Amino acid sequence: MKIVKSILLTCLLLFGGYLFSQQVLTLDESMNIAIKNSPAIQKSRLNMEKNKEYLNAQLASLKSNFFLDITPVSFSREQSYDQRFSEWYTSENKGANASFVVSQPIKLTDGLLTVRNDFGYQDNFSEANSTTYKDKGFNNSLYIRYDQPVFTYNRLKLNLDRIKLNLETATMAYAIEMLNMEYQVNQAFYAVYQKETAVQIAEEEFENQKVSLEIIRSKVEAGLSAKEELLQGELNYATSESNLDNSRVDLDNTRDQFKLLIGISLYNEIQVQTDIDFKLIYVNPEKAIENGLSQRLELTQRNIDLKMAEFNLTETSSQNEFRGDVSLSIGVMGNNEYFSKIYDKPTNSPSVGVTFSIPLFDWGQRQANIKAAEIEIQSKEIDLQDQKNNIIINIRQTYRNLQNLVNQIDIAKQNEKNAQLTYDINLERYQNGDLTSIDLQRFQNQLSEKKTAQVNALINYRLEIINMKVQSLWDFENNTSFIPKELQENLTPEN
């Protein structure tokens, strides 16, 4: 007996939480869980953060860069042949040197300003035909250099703009993923609610069948009805019980799909909680279209694609282009055996260099590439206009659906009310023996169908309101903009 009690206690400890706990989820809670657990949203967020770091790195590269190279010790000894004097000589070099460089990219002109200082110490020794030569001392070279490309586009600025657009694209993709997830969660959430309601309706129908079965059984036993009526009543009861079981199976399957979507354990017992009472929400179609055309993320993406194509045209136009490079440098050099006298006799070292790259003939390669890039821009412009038309059409269709659903809800409410009244009247007729079981079953089915139709109409209206919010990015229920906060929080940082 003690062993049995121990086993039962262990089972309760292991499975008690699973058997008796049930998690009640609201729509907002479901959305928060989905955002946290969705692999697609996680990947989009990581992609956005990655592009943000690329931009931070590019912005950092526009600041002054510092480099220090140090060679603390160098030593070499070699024997070489001097052809001028037809003799061999031995040389030995010892030294140390360091270079300090500061470079500053110029974003405005795509130039590069460099300040460089080279400092070193050397001790040289050479010997030829018993003659020894020695030299040692310090040397330092300090100069400023500026390099500027001319007759070409600003590569530094274009690259920065491209990285900014990459971040904006990644942010848009993340925000769109969030919007899609919100609509999917709403659909799945209300699907679970719909199935839960279907189970409730099936349970009510089953309870009604219990009552009608008891009525016909008592009437048959009293000899007031034929035995066939009892058989039909039992069949209706069994059918109702089967429908209830089917509804519960559908509910379990729908719950599993919902749990999979939002990313919680399939072994969790859940129930959804919401209020779908009808509340008429005024939707202004002109406002929806205006806001959709100005705020839709897909249009921003199309504009980004167009800008990228324009960047590609700029780069393509630079192939085999006429361009120039100008270099200006000024510096001072000094050397001496003693460190304190290193600049006693300085040497100035200015330099100027101008280089031109002049294409002569490329068999039409550059013009063909430019034409292809221009065609790509035209294609992107068509995509942009097509996206605008699709937005207008989708918003109009959604608005028409909303108008139709309002009428359907009114009709469904009246139908459910009439079906309930009809069933109550015919149940009384059935109790009085004026109606058969088959006829009562027909009225019962009609009542269940009208209840289900009313719930479906209310759910469809809620989903279409959400669809309008996603299509127009305007929340007509709260009369506010519906730009995702993730997009607002991750705007491209200014340089």
Protein backbone atom coordinates (compact mmCIF):
# COMPACT_ATOMS: atom_id res chain seq x y z
CA MET A 1 0.00 0.00 0.00
CA LYS A 2 2.87 2.37 0.81
CA ILE A 3 4.45 1.61 -2.58
CA VAL A 4 1.22 2.49 -4.37
CA LYS A 5 0.93 5.77 -2.45
CA SER A 6 4.53 6.67 -3.30
CA ILE A 7 3.92 6.03 -7.01
CA LEU A 8 0.76 8.14 -6.99
CA LEU A 9 2.55 10.97 -5.18
CA THR A 10 5.42 10.90 -7.69
CA CYS A 11 2.99 11.03 -10.61
CA LEU A 12 1.22 14.01 -9.09
CA LEU A 13 4.51 15.85 -8.60
CA LEU A 14 5.68 15.12 -12.16
CA PHE A 15 2.48 15.70 -14.07
CA GLY A 16 0.31 17.74 -11.74
CA GLY A 17 1.37 21.04 -13.28
CA TYR A 18 0.64 19.77 -16.77
CA LEU A 19 -2.70 18.19 -15.93
CA PHE A 20 -4.24 20.97 -13.89
CA SER A 21 -2.65 24.22 -15.04
CA GLN A 22 -4.00 26.16 -18.00
CA GLN A 23 -2.54 29.38 -19.38
CA VAL A 24 -5.08 32.02 -20.35
CA LEU A 25 -3.71 34.28 -23.09
CA THR A 26 -4.92 37.65 -24.27
CA LEU A 27 -4.17 38.97 -27.74
CA ASP A 28 -1.50 41.38 -26.47
CA GLU A 29 0.20 38.65 -24.45
CA SER A 30 0.20 36.35 -27.45
CA MET A 31 1.77 39.04 -29.61
CA ASN A 32 4.51 39.73 -27.08
CA ILE A 33 5.33 36.03 -26.86
CA ALA A 34 5.43 35.70 -30.65
CA ILE A 35 7.76 38.68 -31.04
CA LYS A 36 10.10 37.22 -28.47
CA ASN A 37 10.13 33.68 -29.88
CA SER A 38 9.65 34.06 -33.65
CA PRO A 39 12.76 32.88 -35.57
CA ALA A 40 11.90 35.14 -38.52
CA ILE A 41 11.69 38.22 -36.30
CA GLN A 42 14.87 37.25 -34.47
CA LYS A 43 16.76 36.92 -37.78
CA SER A 44 15.38 40.25 -39.02
CA ARG A 45 16.40 41.95 -35.78
CA LEU A 46 19.92 40.48 -36.00
CA ASN A 47 20.22 41.59 -39.62
CA MET A 48 19.16 45.10 -38.62
CA GLU A 49 21.68 45.20 -35.76
CA LYS A 50 24.41 43.89 -38.07
CA ASN A 51 23.83 46.67 -40.60
CA LYS A 52 23.73 49.20 -37.78
CA GLU A 53 27.20 48.08 -36.69
CA TYR A 54 28.43 48.35 -40.28
CA LEU A 55 27.22 51.94 -40.32
CA ASN A 56 28.89 52.66 -36.97
CA ALA A 57 32.12 51.24 -38.35
CA GLN A 58 31.87 53.39 -41.50
CA LEU A 59 31.15 56.54 -39.46
CA ALA A 60 34.14 55.74 -37.24
CA SER A 61 36.35 55.41 -40.33
CA LEU A 62 35.54 59.03 -41.25
CA LYS A 63 37.25 60.24 -38.08
CA SER A 64 40.99 60.67 -37.67
CA ASN A 65 42.88 57.38 -37.81
CA PHE A 66 46.10 56.92 -35.85
CA PHE A 67 48.82 54.39 -36.69
CA LEU A 68 52.13 53.66 -35.00
CA ASP A 69 54.76 51.31 -36.43
CA ILE A 70 57.86 50.56 -34.34
CA THR A 71 60.97 48.61 -35.22
CA PRO A 72 62.93 48.59 -31.94
CA VAL A 73 65.97 46.74 -33.28
CA SER A 74 67.26 45.94 -36.77
CA PHE A 75 70.59 44.35 -37.70
CA SER A 76 72.09 43.15 -40.95
CA ARG A 77 75.58 42.14 -42.20
CA GLU A 78 76.40 41.24 -45.76
CA GLN A 79 79.29 41.06 -48.23
CA SER A 80 78.77 42.65 -51.63
CA TYR A 81 80.78 43.21 -54.77
CA ASP A 82 81.31 46.76 -55.96
CA GLN A 83 81.65 46.76 -59.76
CA ARG A 84 82.86 50.35 -59.83
CA PHE A 85 86.03 49.53 -57.93
CA SER A 86 86.12 45.78 -58.70
CA GLU A 87 86.34 44.83 -55.06
CA TRP A 88 84.43 43.11 -52.32
CA TYR A 89 83.29 45.01 -49.26
CA THR A 90 81.59 44.13 -46.00
CA SER A 91 78.74 46.24 -44.55
CA GLU A 92 77.00 46.08 -41.21
CA ASN A 93 73.86 48.03 -40.34
CA LYS A 94 72.23 48.48 -36.94
CA GLY A 95 69.28 50.68 -36.20
CA ALA A 96 65.81 51.39 -34.85
CA ASN A 97 62.92 53.40 -36.26
CA ALA A 98 59.30 54.35 -35.67
CA SER A 99 56.56 55.86 -37.83
CA PHE A 100 53.57 57.79 -36.55
CA VAL A 101 50.74 58.48 -39.02
CA VAL A 102 47.52 60.46 -38.67
CA SER A 103 45.10 60.26 -41.60
CA GLN A 104 41.86 62.17 -41.95
CA PRO A 105 39.37 61.31 -44.74
CA ILE A 106 37.52 64.35 -46.09
CA LYS A 107 33.92 63.33 -46.71
CA LEU A 108 33.01 66.52 -48.57
CA THR A 109 35.63 66.06 -51.31
CA ASP A 110 36.63 62.38 -51.01
CA GLY A 111 40.17 63.56 -50.26
CA LEU A 112 42.70 62.24 -47.74
CA LEU A 113 44.84 64.39 -45.46
CA THR A 114 47.86 62.62 -43.97
CA VAL A 115 50.40 63.74 -41.37
CA ARG A 116 53.42 61.43 -41.08
CA ASN A 117 56.50 61.48 -38.90
CA ASP A 118 59.37 58.98 -39.38
CA PHE A 119 62.05 58.85 -36.71
CA GLY A 120 65.06 56.55 -36.68
CA TYR A 121 68.58 55.84 -35.46
CA GLN A 122 71.23 54.09 -37.54
CA ASP A 123 74.79 52.87 -36.96
CA ASN A 124 76.43 51.80 -40.21
CA PHE A 125 79.83 50.18 -40.70
CA SER A 126 81.55 49.12 -43.94
CA GLU A 127 85.03 47.85 -44.77
CA ALA A 128 86.86 47.52 -48.10
CA ASN A 129 90.63 46.91 -48.72
CA SER A 130 91.37 47.47 -45.04
CA THR A 131 89.57 50.81 -45.18
CA THR A 132 86.83 51.32 -42.61
CA TYR A 133 83.85 53.65 -42.96
CA LYS A 134 81.48 54.44 -40.08
CA ASP A 135 78.38 56.54 -39.79
CA LYS A 136 75.79 56.86 -37.06
CA GLY A 137 73.16 59.32 -36.01
CA PHE A 138 69.51 60.25 -35.75
CA ASN A 139 67.13 61.20 -38.54
CA ASN A 140 63.60 62.53 -38.59
CA SER A 141 61.17 63.26 -41.41
CA LEU A 142 57.88 65.16 -40.88
CA TYR A 143 55.51 65.95 -43.72
CA ILE A 144 51.89 66.71 -44.55
CA ARG A 145 50.27 65.22 -47.65
CA TYR A 146 46.89 65.75 -49.31
CA ASP A 147 45.51 63.47 -52.03
CA GLN A 148 42.46 64.55 -54.03
CA PRO A 149 40.73 62.73 -56.91
CA VAL A 150 39.17 65.07 -59.49
CA PHE A 151 36.74 64.73 -62.40
CA THR A 152 35.02 61.76 -60.73
CA TYR A 153 32.29 61.03 -58.20
CA ASN A 154 32.68 61.08 -54.41
CA ARG A 155 33.26 57.41 -53.60
CA LEU A 156 33.46 58.01 -49.86
CA LYS A 157 30.05 59.68 -49.67
CA LEU A 158 28.40 57.16 -51.99
CA ASN A 159 29.66 54.24 -49.92
CA LEU A 160 28.36 55.87 -46.74
CA ASP A 161 24.96 56.52 -48.34
CA ARG A 162 24.79 52.89 -49.49
CA ILE A 163 25.48 51.59 -45.98
CA LYS A 164 22.82 53.92 -44.59
CA LEU A 165 20.31 52.60 -47.11
CA ASN A 166 21.28 49.02 -46.21
CA LEU A 167 20.46 49.77 -42.58
CA GLU A 168 17.19 51.42 -43.58
CA THR A 169 16.30 48.40 -45.71
CA ALA A 170 17.06 46.01 -42.85
CA THR A 171 15.00 48.14 -40.48
CA MET A 172 12.11 48.18 -42.96
CA ALA A 173 12.31 44.39 -43.32
CA TYR A 174 12.19 44.03 -39.55
CA ALA A 175 9.21 46.38 -39.22
CA ILE A 176 7.34 44.59 -42.04
CA GLU A 177 8.05 41.26 -40.37
CA MET A 178 6.55 42.68 -37.19
CA LEU A 179 3.42 43.80 -39.05
CA ASN A 180 3.06 40.43 -40.76
CA MET A 181 3.50 38.65 -37.46
CA GLU A 182 0.86 40.84 -35.85
CA TYR A 183 -1.66 39.93 -38.54
CA GLN A 184 -0.76 36.22 -38.39
CA VAL A 185 -1.07 36.18 -34.60
CA ASN A 186 -4.44 37.93 -34.83
CA GLN A 187 -5.66 35.38 -37.36
CA ALA A 188 -4.43 32.41 -35.33
CA PHE A 189 -5.69 33.90 -32.06
CA TYR A 190 -9.21 34.45 -33.38
CA ALA A 191 -9.12 31.03 -35.04
CA VAL A 192 -8.60 29.50 -31.58
CA TYR A 193 -11.37 31.69 -30.19
CA GLN A 194 -13.60 30.60 -33.05
CA LYS A 195 -12.94 26.92 -32.31
CA GLU A 196 -13.50 27.46 -28.58
CA THR A 197 -16.82 29.09 -29.39
CA ALA A 198 -17.67 26.19 -31.71
CA VAL A 199 -17.03 23.79 -28.80
CA GLN A 200 -19.33 25.88 -26.57
CA ILE A 201 -22.05 25.81 -29.23
CA ALA A 202 -21.60 22.07 -29.64
CA GLU A 203 -21.84 21.62 -25.87
CA GLU A 204 -25.05 23.63 -25.79
CA GLU A 205 -26.42 21.55 -28.65
CA PHE A 206 -25.39 18.37 -26.82
CA GLU A 207 -27.17 19.52 -23.65
CA ASN A 208 -30.27 20.30 -25.72
CA GLN A 209 -30.12 16.79 -27.19
CA LYS A 210 -29.93 15.36 -23.67
CA VAL A 211 -33.09 17.22 -22.76
CA SER A 212 -34.92 16.18 -25.93
CA LEU A 213 -33.80 12.56 -25.47
CA GLU A 214 -35.15 12.47 -21.92
CA ILE A 215 -38.41 13.95 -23.16
CA ILE A 216 -38.88 11.36 -25.94
CA ARG A 217 -37.81 8.52 -23.66
CA SER A 218 -40.43 9.43 -21.06
CA LYS A 219 -43.08 9.80 -23.76
CA VAL A 220 -42.24 6.42 -25.32
CA GLU A 221 -42.29 4.75 -21.91
CA ALA A 222 -45.69 6.33 -21.28
CA GLY A 223 -46.93 5.08 -24.67
CA LEU A 224 -47.45 8.58 -25.98
CA SER A 225 -44.95 8.27 -28.85
CA ALA A 226 -43.79 5.53 -31.15
CA LYS A 227 -40.58 3.64 -30.39
CA GLU A 228 -39.12 4.90 -33.63
CA GLU A 229 -39.06 8.39 -32.14
CA LEU A 230 -36.80 7.09 -29.36
CA LEU A 231 -34.46 5.55 -31.90
CA GLN A 232 -34.27 8.83 -33.80
CA GLY A 233 -33.70 10.71 -30.56
CA GLU A 234 -30.83 8.39 -29.63
CA LEU A 235 -29.35 8.85 -33.10
CA ASN A 236 -29.58 12.64 -32.75
CA TYR A 237 -27.93 12.36 -29.34
CA ALA A 238 -25.07 10.24 -30.71
CA THR A 239 -24.61 12.60 -33.67
CA SER A 240 -24.49 15.59 -31.34
CA GLU A 241 -21.94 13.85 -29.13
CA SER A 242 -19.83 13.05 -32.20
CA ASN A 243 -20.03 16.66 -33.37
CA LEU A 244 -18.87 17.77 -29.94
CA ASP A 245 -15.90 15.39 -30.10
CA ASN A 246 -15.04 16.66 -33.58
CA SER A 247 -15.18 20.26 -32.38
CA ARG A 248 -12.83 19.46 -29.52
CA VAL A 249 -10.40 17.76 -31.91
CA ASP A 250 -10.50 20.82 -34.22
CA LEU A 251 -9.86 23.04 -31.20
CA ASP A 252 -6.85 21.00 -30.09
CA ASN A 253 -5.40 21.05 -33.61
CA THR A 254 -5.91 24.80 -33.93
CA ARG A 255 -4.37 25.39 -30.52
CA ASP A 256 -1.29 23.40 -31.56
CA GLN A 257 -0.88 25.53 -34.67
CA PHE A 258 -1.29 28.67 -32.58
CA LYS A 259 1.30 27.50 -30.03
CA LEU A 260 3.69 26.68 -32.85
CA LEU A 261 3.24 30.15 -34.35
CA ILE A 262 3.90 32.12 -31.16
CA GLY A 263 6.65 29.77 -30.03
CA ILE A 264 5.45 28.17 -26.79
CA SER A 265 5.62 24.52 -25.74
CA LEU A 266 3.13 22.26 -27.49
CA TYR A 267 2.51 20.62 -24.12
CA ASN A 268 1.21 23.83 -22.54
CA GLU A 269 -2.54 23.94 -21.98
CA ILE A 270 -3.86 27.29 -23.22
CA GLN A 271 -7.09 29.18 -23.54
CA VAL A 272 -7.62 32.54 -25.24
CA GLN A 273 -9.50 35.43 -23.76
CA THR A 274 -10.91 38.33 -25.75
CA ASP A 275 -13.95 40.51 -26.29
CA ILE A 276 -15.41 40.53 -29.79
CA ASP A 277 -18.52 42.54 -29.04
CA PHE A 278 -19.33 44.61 -32.10
CA LYS A 279 -18.06 48.18 -32.03
CA LEU A 280 -18.49 50.20 -35.20
CA ILE A 281 -15.21 51.87 -36.14
CA TYR A 282 -15.34 54.75 -38.60
CA VAL A 283 -12.84 54.32 -41.42
CA ASN A 284 -12.06 57.21 -43.75
CA PRO A 285 -10.94 55.66 -47.07
CA GLU A 286 -9.29 58.89 -48.28
CA LYS A 287 -7.30 59.14 -45.03
CA ALA A 288 -6.34 55.46 -45.32
CA ILE A 289 -5.07 55.87 -48.89
CA GLU A 290 -3.24 59.12 -48.12
CA ASN A 291 -1.48 57.65 -45.09
CA GLY A 292 -0.75 54.41 -46.89
CA LEU A 293 0.95 56.18 -49.80
CA SER A 294 3.03 58.33 -47.44
CA GLN A 295 3.89 55.76 -44.77
CA ARG A 296 3.82 52.26 -46.24
CA LEU A 297 7.14 50.58 -45.66
CA GLU A 298 7.00 48.78 -49.00
CA LEU A 299 7.06 52.13 -50.80
CA THR A 300 10.09 53.17 -48.78
CA GLN A 301 11.75 49.94 -49.84
CA ARG A 302 10.96 50.63 -53.49
CA ASN A 303 12.45 54.13 -53.14
CA ILE A 304 15.57 52.60 -51.59
CA ASP A 305 15.80 50.16 -54.51
CA LEU A 306 15.55 53.13 -56.87
CA LYS A 307 18.34 54.96 -55.05
CA MET A 308 20.51 51.84 -55.14
CA ALA A 309 19.98 51.62 -58.89
CA GLU A 310 21.02 55.26 -59.21
CA PHE A 311 24.17 54.50 -57.20
CA ASN A 312 24.87 51.64 -59.58
CA LEU A 313 24.51 54.03 -62.53
CA THR A 314 27.00 56.42 -60.93
CA GLU A 315 29.52 53.62 -60.41
CA THR A 316 28.96 52.26 -63.89
CA SER A 317 29.52 55.71 -65.40
CA SER A 318 32.93 55.79 -63.71
CA GLN A 319 34.17 52.78 -65.67
CA ASN A 320 36.87 53.81 -68.18
CA GLU A 321 36.23 57.43 -67.17
CA PHE A 322 38.45 60.44 -67.56
CA ARG A 323 39.72 61.24 -64.08
CA GLY A 324 42.62 62.89 -62.32
CA ASP A 325 44.53 62.59 -59.05
CA VAL A 326 46.26 65.53 -57.40
CA SER A 327 48.82 65.05 -54.61
CA LEU A 328 50.35 67.88 -52.57
CA SER A 329 53.04 67.31 -49.98
CA ILE A 330 55.28 69.50 -47.83
CA GLY A 331 57.76 68.31 -45.28
CA VAL A 332 61.01 68.84 -43.50
CA MET A 333 63.86 66.35 -42.97
CA GLY A 334 66.85 66.43 -40.65
CA ASN A 335 69.66 64.19 -39.48
CA ASN A 336 72.59 64.49 -37.10
CA GLU A 337 74.78 62.39 -34.91
CA TYR A 338 73.29 64.09 -31.89
CA PHE A 339 69.57 64.06 -31.19
CA SER A 340 69.46 67.66 -29.97
CA LYS A 341 70.96 68.89 -33.26
CA ILE A 342 68.79 66.84 -35.58
CA TYR A 343 67.26 69.93 -37.21
CA ASP A 344 70.32 72.16 -37.22
CA LYS A 345 70.44 71.85 -41.01
CA PRO A 346 66.90 70.94 -42.09
CA THR A 347 66.01 70.03 -45.63
CA ASN A 348 62.64 71.07 -47.06
CA SER A 349 60.93 68.49 -49.28
CA PRO A 350 57.88 69.80 -51.11
CA SER A 351 56.25 67.76 -53.86
CA VAL A 352 53.36 68.16 -56.27
CA GLY A 353 51.90 65.45 -58.46
CA VAL A 354 49.08 65.49 -61.01
CA THR A 355 48.00 62.33 -62.78
CA PHE A 356 45.31 61.96 -65.44
CA SER A 357 43.66 58.75 -66.57
CA ILE A 358 42.43 59.15 -70.15
CA PRO A 359 40.39 56.32 -71.72
CA LEU A 360 40.88 55.99 -75.45
CA PHE A 361 38.70 53.22 -76.82
CA ASP A 362 36.73 50.43 -75.05
CA TRP A 363 34.58 49.07 -77.93
CA GLY A 364 31.40 50.55 -76.42
CA GLN A 365 31.66 48.66 -73.11
CA ARG A 366 31.06 51.74 -70.93
CA GLN A 367 28.06 52.97 -72.93
CA ALA A 368 26.45 49.52 -72.90
CA ASN A 369 26.85 49.23 -69.11
CA ILE A 370 25.44 52.73 -68.64
CA LYS A 371 22.43 51.85 -70.81
CA ALA A 372 21.81 48.70 -68.77
CA ALA A 373 21.98 50.71 -65.52
CA GLU A 374 19.52 53.27 -66.91
CA ILE A 375 17.11 50.49 -67.87
CA GLU A 376 17.37 49.12 -64.32
CA ILE A 377 16.35 52.55 -62.98
CA GLN A 378 13.33 52.57 -65.29
CA SER A 379 12.39 49.11 -64.00
CA LYS A 380 12.60 50.31 -60.39
CA GLU A 381 10.42 53.32 -61.20
CA ILE A 382 7.79 50.97 -62.67
CA ASP A 383 7.97 48.83 -59.51
CA LEU A 384 7.42 51.92 -57.38
CA GLN A 385 4.34 53.01 -59.32
CA ASP A 386 2.98 49.46 -59.36
CA GLN A 387 3.38 49.25 -55.58
CA LYS A 388 1.44 52.50 -55.18
CA ASN A 389 -1.42 51.15 -57.31
CA ASN A 390 -1.50 47.91 -55.32
CA ILE A 391 -1.71 49.84 -52.05
CA ILE A 392 -4.64 51.90 -53.33
CA ILE A 393 -6.46 48.80 -54.59
CA ASN A 394 -5.91 46.81 -51.39
CA ILE A 395 -7.11 49.67 -49.17
CA ARG A 396 -10.23 50.13 -51.30
CA GLN A 397 -10.99 46.41 -51.20
CA THR A 398 -10.52 46.32 -47.43
CA TYR A 399 -12.83 49.31 -46.99
CA ARG A 400 -15.53 47.65 -49.12
CA ASN A 401 -15.15 44.43 -47.12
CA LEU A 402 -15.65 46.37 -43.89
CA GLN A 403 -18.84 47.96 -45.19
CA ASN A 404 -20.14 44.55 -46.22
CA LEU A 405 -19.20 42.95 -42.89
CA VAL A 406 -21.15 45.57 -40.94
CA ASN A 407 -24.29 44.51 -42.83
CA GLN A 408 -23.44 40.84 -42.31
CA ILE A 409 -23.10 41.34 -38.54
CA ASP A 410 -26.52 43.00 -38.33
CA ILE A 411 -28.06 40.17 -40.34
CA ALA A 412 -26.24 37.49 -38.34
CA LYS A 413 -27.45 38.95 -35.02
CA GLN A 414 -31.04 38.99 -36.19
CA ASN A 415 -30.73 35.46 -37.63
CA GLU A 416 -29.34 34.14 -34.34
CA LYS A 417 -32.12 35.83 -32.40
CA ASN A 418 -34.79 34.40 -34.74
CA ALA A 419 -33.21 30.94 -34.68
CA GLN A 420 -33.17 30.90 -30.86
CA LEU A 421 -36.83 31.96 -30.71
CA THR A 422 -37.76 29.38 -33.36
CA TYR A 423 -35.96 26.61 -31.47
CA ASP A 424 -37.64 27.51 -28.16
CA ILE A 425 -41.09 27.46 -29.80
CA ASN A 426 -40.49 24.15 -31.54
CA LEU A 427 -38.99 22.58 -28.41
CA GLU A 428 -42.31 23.30 -26.69
CA ARG A 429 -44.15 21.76 -29.65
CA TYR A 430 -41.86 18.75 -29.39
CA GLN A 431 -42.70 18.39 -25.69
CA ASN A 432 -46.39 18.51 -26.58
CA GLY A 433 -45.94 15.82 -29.22
CA ASP A 434 -46.62 18.11 -32.16
CA LEU A 435 -43.12 17.73 -33.63
CA THR A 436 -40.87 14.80 -34.50
CA SER A 437 -37.24 14.37 -33.44
CA ILE A 438 -36.08 14.89 -37.02
CA ASP A 439 -37.87 18.24 -37.20
CA LEU A 440 -36.45 19.36 -33.84
CA GLN A 441 -32.96 18.35 -34.97
CA ARG A 442 -33.35 20.57 -38.01
CA PHE A 443 -34.17 23.56 -35.83
CA GLN A 444 -31.27 22.70 -33.52
CA ASN A 445 -28.86 22.63 -36.47
CA GLN A 446 -30.22 25.91 -37.68
CA LEU A 447 -29.65 27.50 -34.27
CA SER A 448 -26.04 26.22 -34.14
CA GLU A 449 -25.34 27.49 -37.65
CA LYS A 450 -26.68 30.96 -36.89
CA LYS A 451 -24.67 31.21 -33.67
CA THR A 452 -21.53 30.17 -35.55
CA ALA A 453 -22.27 32.63 -38.37
CA GLN A 454 -22.61 35.49 -35.91
CA VAL A 455 -19.29 34.68 -34.23
CA ASN A 456 -17.59 34.35 -37.63
CA ALA A 457 -18.95 37.71 -38.79
CA LEU A 458 -17.67 39.45 -35.64
CA ILE A 459 -14.25 37.82 -35.96
CA ASN A 460 -14.01 38.67 -39.67
CA TYR A 461 -14.81 42.30 -38.87
CA ARG A 462 -12.05 42.42 -36.24
CA LEU A 463 -9.55 40.86 -38.65
CA GLU A 464 -10.51 43.26 -41.43
CA ILE A 465 -10.04 46.23 -39.09
CA ILE A 466 -6.56 44.91 -38.33
CA ASN A 467 -5.97 44.41 -42.05
CA MET A 468 -6.92 48.04 -42.69
CA LYS A 469 -4.48 49.10 -39.97
CA VAL A 470 -1.69 47.12 -41.65
CA GLN A 471 -2.62 48.33 -45.14
CA SER A 472 -2.83 52.04 -44.26
CA LEU A 473 -0.52 52.17 -41.21
CA TRP A 474 -3.24 54.16 -39.47
CA ASP A 475 -5.10 52.90 -36.40
CA PHE A 476 -8.68 54.08 -36.96
CA GLU A 477 -9.79 52.57 -33.66
CA ASN A 478 -7.51 54.91 -31.70
CA ASN A 479 -7.09 57.50 -34.48
CA THR A 480 -3.30 57.37 -34.35
CA SER A 481 -0.44 56.51 -36.66
CA PHE A 482 0.58 52.86 -36.72
CA ILE A 483 4.30 53.21 -37.54
CA PRO A 484 5.97 50.37 -35.61
CA LYS A 485 8.03 51.64 -32.68
CA GLU A 486 10.94 49.50 -33.84
CA LEU A 487 11.17 51.66 -36.97
CA GLN A 488 11.06 54.86 -34.95
CA GLU A 489 13.71 53.63 -32.51
CA ASN A 490 16.11 52.45 -35.20
CA LEU A 491 16.23 55.39 -37.57
CA THR A 492 19.47 55.81 -39.47
CA PRO A 493 21.83 57.72 -37.16
CA GLU A 494 23.13 61.05 -38.38
CA ASN A 495 26.81 61.34 -39.12
